[in-house]
Amino acid sequence: MLEKNKELVRRFYEVSTTPGCPGMGDIVTEDYFDHHFLPELPKGPEGVRMWNEDVLASVFSDIRIEIDFMIAEGNKVDCHFNLVGRHTGDWGDVKPKGNAMKIPCISTFRIENGKIEEGWEMFDSGDMVNQMKA
């Protein structure tokens, strides 16, 4: 089961970086809640699509996920990865310079009945802003 849960998280990132997030409904529940998404985003697959297309893609282009490693225990998977892309949109008062970005991140997902039900993310925001301003 642990390897199956890790594969589900791999698929989550593959689909989330594909325009339109096709098949996300097969990966997350209709009530999927991500604790780092903007509060006005809906739960479920549509919230994931909006986060990736309306939020991330407004700041970064050429987005891809490079997974370093995953740890699974029970119904949880921790994923250590880098968000890789180019800074092409405003981030608060930081204007884009087109810098290549590699942002270290850690996500934890809770899986229920073969789908992702809940997610938490942390990323090195100080490093990210330093890369944007370089």
Protein backbone atom coordinates (compact mmCIF):
# COMPACT_ATOMS: atom_id res chain seq x y z
CA MET A 1 0.00 0.00 0.00
CA LEU A 2 2.84 2.45 0.78
CA GLU A 3 4.28 2.21 -2.74
CA LYS A 4 0.79 2.63 -4.20
CA ASN A 5 0.35 5.82 -2.14
CA LYS A 6 3.71 7.17 -3.36
CA GLU A 7 2.68 6.46 -6.95
CA LEU A 8 -0.56 8.40 -6.37
CA VAL A 9 1.49 11.43 -5.24
CA ARG A 10 3.76 11.10 -8.32
CA ARG A 11 0.64 11.11 -10.51
CA PHE A 12 -0.69 14.16 -8.63
CA TYR A 13 2.39 16.16 -9.62
CA GLU A 14 2.42 14.87 -13.20
CA VAL A 15 -1.23 15.82 -13.70
CA SER A 16 -0.99 19.12 -11.81
CA THR A 17 1.71 20.36 -14.19
CA THR A 18 -0.32 19.37 -17.27
CA PRO A 19 -2.61 22.12 -18.64
CA GLY A 20 -6.18 21.55 -17.48
CA CYS A 21 -5.07 18.94 -14.91
CA PRO A 22 -6.79 16.11 -16.85
CA GLY A 23 -7.70 13.18 -14.64
CA MET A 24 -7.23 15.03 -11.35
CA GLY A 25 -10.65 13.74 -10.28
CA ASP A 26 -9.15 10.24 -10.27
CA ILE A 27 -6.37 11.38 -7.91
CA VAL A 28 -7.97 13.70 -5.35
CA THR A 29 -11.34 13.50 -3.61
CA GLU A 30 -14.13 15.97 -4.32
CA ASP A 31 -13.44 17.39 -0.85
CA TYR A 32 -9.65 17.59 -1.27
CA PHE A 33 -8.37 20.45 0.87
CA ASP A 34 -4.88 21.90 0.54
CA HIS A 35 -3.80 24.02 3.49
CA HIS A 36 -1.58 26.31 1.44
CA PHE A 37 -4.07 27.14 -1.33
CA LEU A 38 -5.77 30.52 -1.29
CA PRO A 39 -8.90 30.32 0.90
CA GLU A 40 -11.22 31.41 -1.91
CA LEU A 41 -10.31 28.42 -4.09
CA PRO A 42 -12.83 25.58 -4.17
CA LYS A 43 -12.08 22.17 -2.72
CA GLY A 44 -11.45 19.18 -4.95
CA PRO A 45 -9.98 18.81 -8.43
CA GLU A 46 -11.15 22.26 -9.55
CA GLY A 47 -9.23 23.93 -6.71
CA VAL A 48 -6.07 22.08 -7.74
CA ARG A 49 -6.55 23.18 -11.36
CA MET A 50 -7.16 26.80 -10.35
CA TRP A 51 -4.09 26.85 -8.04
CA ASN A 52 -1.85 25.56 -10.79
CA GLU A 53 -3.28 27.52 -13.72
CA ASP A 54 -4.46 30.77 -12.10
CA VAL A 55 -1.96 31.18 -9.27
CA LEU A 56 1.32 29.36 -10.01
CA ALA A 57 1.19 29.93 -13.77
CA SER A 58 0.61 33.67 -13.21
CA VAL A 59 4.04 33.88 -11.51
CA PHE A 60 6.06 31.07 -13.12
CA SER A 61 6.33 29.59 -16.59
CA ASP A 62 7.85 26.29 -17.73
CA ILE A 63 6.86 24.72 -14.40
CA ARG A 64 7.97 21.22 -13.60
CA ILE A 65 8.35 19.18 -10.44
CA GLU A 66 11.59 17.34 -9.67
CA ILE A 67 10.97 14.82 -6.89
CA ASP A 68 13.96 14.14 -4.66
CA PHE A 69 12.40 11.46 -2.46
CA MET A 70 9.23 10.37 -0.72
CA ILE A 71 8.54 8.81 2.65
CA ALA A 72 5.31 6.92 3.28
CA GLU A 73 3.83 5.76 6.57
CA GLY A 74 0.27 4.67 7.17
CA ASN A 75 -2.01 6.86 5.06
CA LYS A 76 0.48 9.75 4.71
CA VAL A 77 3.15 10.52 2.12
CA ASP A 78 5.83 13.19 2.49
CA CYS A 79 7.29 14.36 -0.80
CA HIS A 80 10.53 16.36 -0.94
CA PHE A 81 10.82 18.10 -4.30
CA ASN A 82 11.88 21.19 -6.20
CA LEU A 83 9.48 23.43 -8.09
CA VAL A 84 11.44 24.38 -11.19
CA GLY A 85 10.44 27.12 -13.60
CA ARG A 86 11.03 30.68 -14.72
CA HIS A 87 9.85 33.80 -12.84
CA THR A 88 7.67 35.57 -15.41
CA GLY A 89 4.94 37.25 -13.33
CA ASP A 90 4.68 39.59 -10.36
CA TRP A 91 5.07 38.10 -6.86
CA GLY A 92 3.76 40.85 -4.60
CA ASP A 93 6.09 43.78 -5.22
CA VAL A 94 8.79 41.60 -6.84
CA LYS A 95 8.75 42.18 -10.60
CA PRO A 96 9.79 39.34 -12.91
CA LYS A 97 13.25 39.26 -14.47
CA GLY A 98 12.80 35.91 -16.18
CA ASN A 99 15.13 34.22 -13.69
CA ALA A 100 15.36 30.44 -13.66
CA MET A 101 13.97 29.19 -10.33
CA LYS A 102 14.50 26.03 -8.29
CA ILE A 103 12.44 26.21 -5.09
CA PRO A 104 12.83 23.49 -2.45
CA CYS A 105 9.49 22.24 -1.13
CA ILE A 106 8.02 19.56 1.11
CA SER A 107 4.43 18.32 0.84
CA THR A 108 2.53 15.95 3.08
CA PHE A 109 -0.56 14.23 1.73
CA ARG A 110 -3.25 12.24 3.54
CA ILE A 111 -4.73 9.46 1.47
CA GLU A 112 -8.15 7.91 2.05
CA ASN A 113 -9.74 5.13 -0.01
CA GLY A 114 -7.16 5.38 -2.80
CA LYS A 115 -7.39 9.16 -3.30
CA ILE A 116 -5.65 12.19 -1.84
CA GLU A 117 -7.94 13.85 0.72
CA GLU A 118 -5.73 16.56 2.24
CA GLY A 119 -2.41 18.29 1.59
CA TRP A 120 0.08 20.56 3.35
CA GLU A 121 3.08 22.31 1.75
CA MET A 122 6.11 24.16 2.97
CA PHE A 123 8.64 25.93 0.80
CA ASP A 124 11.69 28.08 1.35
CA SER A 125 10.12 31.48 0.65
CA GLY A 126 13.28 33.40 1.54
CA ASP A 127 15.32 31.41 -0.97
CA MET A 128 12.57 31.86 -3.56
CA VAL A 129 12.55 35.66 -3.20
CA ASN A 130 16.37 35.77 -3.32
CA GLN A 131 16.29 33.83 -6.59
CA MET A 132 13.63 36.20 -7.97
CA LYS A 133 15.68 39.28 -7.09
CA ALA A 134 19.06 37.94 -8.28
